[in-house]
C-alpha atoms as a PDB file:
ATOM      1  CA  MET A   1     103.539 108.078 133.357  1.00  0.00           C
ATOM      2  CA  ALA A   2     104.962 106.405 136.483  1.00  0.00           C
ATOM      3  CA  THR A   3     102.535 105.551 139.309  1.00  0.00           C
ATOM      4  CA  ILE A   4     103.168 107.836 142.500  1.00  0.00           C
ATOM      5  CA  ASP A   5     102.747 106.892 146.382  1.00  0.00           C
ATOM      6  CA  LEU A   6     100.437 108.124 148.060  1.00  0.00           C
ATOM      7  CA  THR A   7     100.734 108.924 151.888  1.00  0.00           C
ATOM      8  CA  GLU A   8      97.717 110.218 154.332  1.00  0.00           C
ATOM      9  CA  SER A   9      99.614 113.779 153.650  1.00  0.00           C
ATOM     10  CA  THR A  10      99.519 113.819 150.317  1.00  0.00           C
ATOM     11  CA  PHE A  11      95.791 112.196 149.861  1.00  0.00           C
ATOM     12  CA  SER A  12      93.533 114.525 149.361  1.00  0.00           C
ATOM     13  CA  ALA A  13      95.691 116.914 147.226  1.00  0.00           C
ATOM     14  CA  SER A  14      96.490 114.540 144.991  1.00  0.00           C
ATOM     15  CA  ILE A  15      92.350 113.264 144.282  1.00  0.00           C
ATOM     16  CA  ASN A  16      91.300 117.013 144.141  1.00  0.00           C
ATOM     17  CA  GLY A  17      93.916 118.199 141.811  1.00  0.00           C
ATOM     18  CA  GLY A  18      91.504 118.162 138.793  1.00  0.00           C
ATOM     19  CA  GLY A  19      91.381 114.929 136.144  1.00  0.00           C
ATOM     20  CA  ILE A  20      91.178 111.388 136.904  1.00  0.00           C
ATOM     21  CA  VAL A  21      93.046 109.478 139.731  1.00  0.00           C
ATOM     22  CA  LEU A  22      93.476 105.754 139.885  1.00  0.00           C
ATOM     23  CA  VAL A  23      94.393 105.007 142.988  1.00  0.00           C
ATOM     24  CA  ASP A  24      95.652 101.499 144.115  1.00  0.00           C
ATOM     25  CA  PHE A  25      95.175 100.502 147.799  1.00  0.00           C
ATOM     26  CA  TRP A  26      98.170  97.307 147.982  1.00  0.00           C
ATOM     27  CA  ALA A  27     100.374  95.527 150.493  1.00  0.00           C
ATOM     28  CA  GLY A  28     103.834  93.705 149.912  1.00  0.00           C
ATOM     29  CA  TRP A  29     102.851  90.409 151.416  1.00  0.00           C
ATOM     30  CA  CYS A  30      99.719  91.037 149.266  1.00  0.00           C
ATOM     31  CA  SER A  31      99.810  87.670 146.526  1.00  0.00           C
ATOM     32  CA  PRO A  32      97.313  89.656 144.139  1.00  0.00           C
ATOM     33  CA  CYS A  33      98.606  92.730 144.693  1.00  0.00           C
ATOM     34  CA  ARG A  34     102.288  91.773 143.349  1.00  0.00           C
ATOM     35  CA  SER A  35     100.122  89.964 140.508  1.00  0.00           C
ATOM     36  CA  PHE A  36      97.932  93.005 139.840  1.00  0.00           C
ATOM     37  CA  ALA A  37     101.310  95.583 140.106  1.00  0.00           C
ATOM     38  CA  PRO A  38     102.310  94.974 136.276  1.00  0.00           C
ATOM     39  CA  THR A  39      99.397  95.478 134.838  1.00  0.00           C
ATOM     40  CA  PHE A  40      98.643  98.938 136.950  1.00  0.00           C
ATOM     41  CA  SER A  41     102.083 100.098 135.851  1.00  0.00           C
ATOM     42  CA  ALA A  42     101.694  99.112 132.564  1.00  0.00           C
ATOM     43  CA  ALA A  43      98.142 100.948 132.096  1.00  0.00           C
ATOM     44  CA  SER A  44     100.079 104.036 133.862  1.00  0.00           C
ATOM     45  CA  GLU A  45     102.511 104.193 131.272  1.00  0.00           C
ATOM     46  CA  LYS A  46      99.461 104.188 128.291  1.00  0.00           C
ATOM     47  CA  HIS A  47      97.488 106.890 129.621  1.00  0.00           C
ATOM     48  CA  SER A  48      99.539 110.078 130.796  1.00  0.00           C
ATOM     49  CA  ASP A  49      96.493 112.381 131.379  1.00  0.00           C
ATOM     50  CA  VAL A  50      95.212 110.171 134.215  1.00  0.00           C
ATOM     51  CA  VAL A  51      97.464 109.440 137.728  1.00  0.00           C
ATOM     52  CA  PHE A  52      98.356 106.405 138.909  1.00  0.00           C
ATOM     53  CA  ALA A  53      98.510 106.485 142.051  1.00  0.00           C
ATOM     54  CA  LYS A  54      99.396 103.879 144.931  1.00  0.00           C
ATOM     55  CA  VAL A  55      98.570 103.313 148.706  1.00  0.00           C
ATOM     56  CA  ASP A  56     100.871 101.236 150.820  1.00  0.00           C
ATOM     57  CA  THR A  57      98.002  99.806 153.254  1.00  0.00           C
ATOM     58  CA  GLU A  58     100.893  98.347 155.893  1.00  0.00           C
ATOM     59  CA  ALA A  59     102.289 102.078 156.246  1.00  0.00           C
ATOM     60  CA  GLU A  60      99.365 104.278 155.754  1.00  0.00           C
ATOM     61  CA  GLN A  61      97.319 102.124 157.995  1.00  0.00           C
ATOM     62  CA  GLY A  62      95.157 105.933 159.244  1.00  0.00           C
ATOM     63  CA  LEU A  63      94.535 106.432 155.164  1.00  0.00           C
ATOM     64  CA  SER A  64      93.179 102.699 154.695  1.00  0.00           C
ATOM     65  CA  SER A  65      90.911 102.996 157.631  1.00  0.00           C
ATOM     66  CA  ALA A  66      89.279 106.140 156.466  1.00  0.00           C
ATOM     67  CA  ALA A  67      89.251 105.089 152.782  1.00  0.00           C
ATOM     68  CA  GLY A  68      87.346 102.039 154.573  1.00  0.00           C
ATOM     69  CA  ILE A  69      89.602  99.441 152.614  1.00  0.00           C
ATOM     70  CA  ARG A  70      88.312  96.292 154.065  1.00  0.00           C
ATOM     71  CA  SER A  71      90.104  93.693 150.958  1.00  0.00           C
ATOM     72  CA  ILE A  72      93.203  93.769 149.394  1.00  0.00           C
ATOM     73  CA  PRO A  73      94.014  95.035 146.253  1.00  0.00           C
ATOM     74  CA  THR A  74      91.067  97.707 145.911  1.00  0.00           C
ATOM     75  CA  LEU A  75      91.442 100.189 143.141  1.00  0.00           C
ATOM     76  CA  MET A  76      89.359 103.889 143.337  1.00  0.00           C
ATOM     77  CA  ALA A  77      88.690 105.827 140.690  1.00  0.00           C
ATOM     78  CA  PHE A  78      88.493 109.601 141.352  1.00  0.00           C
ATOM     79  CA  ARG A  79      87.491 112.324 138.898  1.00  0.00           C
ATOM     80  CA  ASP A  80      87.447 116.097 139.628  1.00  0.00           C
ATOM     81  CA  GLY A  81      87.761 115.331 143.409  1.00  0.00           C
ATOM     82  CA  MET A  82      84.821 113.000 143.190  1.00  0.00           C
ATOM     83  CA  LEU A  83      84.960 108.836 144.069  1.00  0.00           C
ATOM     84  CA  VAL A  84      83.504 107.435 140.776  1.00  0.00           C
ATOM     85  CA  PHE A  85      84.685 103.989 141.152  1.00  0.00           C
ATOM     86  CA  SER A  86      85.478 101.607 144.197  1.00  0.00           C
ATOM     87  CA  GLN A  87      85.659  97.520 143.965  1.00  0.00           C
ATOM     88  CA  PRO A  88      88.567  95.319 145.950  1.00  0.00           C
ATOM     89  CA  GLY A  89      90.402  92.798 143.790  1.00  0.00           C
ATOM     90  CA  ALA A  90      92.870  92.669 141.269  1.00  0.00           C
ATOM     91  CA  LEU A  91      91.949  93.897 137.263  1.00  0.00           C
ATOM     92  CA  ASN A  92      92.721  92.297 134.049  1.00  0.00           C
ATOM     93  CA  ALA A  93      94.534  94.803 131.537  1.00  0.00           C
ATOM     94  CA  ALA A  94      91.283  94.308 129.326  1.00  0.00           C
ATOM     95  CA  ASN A  95      88.880  95.558 132.385  1.00  0.00           C
ATOM     96  CA  LEU A  96      91.497  98.192 133.788  1.00  0.00           C
ATOM     97  CA  GLU A  97      91.115  99.801 130.101  1.00  0.00           C
ATOM     98  CA  GLU A  98      87.586  99.182 130.142  1.00  0.00           C
ATOM     99  CA  LEU A  99      87.307 101.256 133.672  1.00  0.00           C
ATOM    100  CA  VAL A 100      89.930 103.937 132.305  1.00  0.00           C
ATOM    101  CA  ALA A 101      87.781 104.409 129.315  1.00  0.00           C
ATOM    102  CA  GLY A 102      84.793 104.546 131.112  1.00  0.00           C
ATOM    103  CA  VAL A 103      85.790 107.263 133.843  1.00  0.00           C
ATOM    104  CA  GLN A 104      86.878 109.154 130.945  1.00  0.00           C
ATOM    105  CA  ALA A 105      83.645 108.972 129.547  1.00  0.00           C
ATOM    106  CA  LEU A 106      81.636 110.436 132.635  1.00  0.00           C
ATOM    107  CA  ASN A 107      79.476 113.405 131.717  1.00  0.00           C
ATOM    108  CA  MET A 108      80.484 115.256 135.251  1.00  0.00           C
ATOM    109  CA  ASP A 109      77.926 117.408 135.260  1.00  0.00           C
ATOM    110  CA  ASP A 110      75.388 114.408 134.970  1.00  0.00           C
ATOM    111  CA  VAL A 111      77.281 113.037 138.035  1.00  0.00           C
ATOM    112  CA  ARG A 112      77.080 115.589 140.017  1.00  0.00           C
ATOM    113  CA  ALA A 113      73.186 116.408 139.496  1.00  0.00           C
ATOM    114  CA  LYS A 114      73.077 112.925 140.348  1.00  0.00           C
ATOM    115  CA  VAL A 115      74.703 113.151 143.754  1.00  0.00           C
ATOM    116  CA  ALA A 116      73.236 116.302 144.440  1.00  0.00           C
ATOM    117  CA  ALA A 117      69.619 114.605 143.780  1.00  0.00           C
ATOM    118  CA  GLN A 118      70.586 112.115 146.174  1.00  0.00           C
ATOM    119  CA  ALA A 119      72.264 114.411 148.860  1.00  0.00           C
END
């Protein structure tokens, strides 16, 4: 599956649509972002069950601000509408595969219970 572009108007529906959504916050002038792009794209082709999305921080400054983006690239992972991972910096292919596997392996009932206990 190819990557999709998210905007402020499509972000919420995309992450709350169920399943796993990985979001790459990037900008065209960012060298690490450009280096990470082929890795992210290749992973999107391997994992048809995962949505791979990109947010152009220059075009979507409001969304980037709302998401608390302070450094790019920043990768966020959502599962069933919940943020389960957020980290600035480009990942290599092996680390990205490890992240996908880790998010797939999450027991979401346990995650929800831990979030509820913290609230």
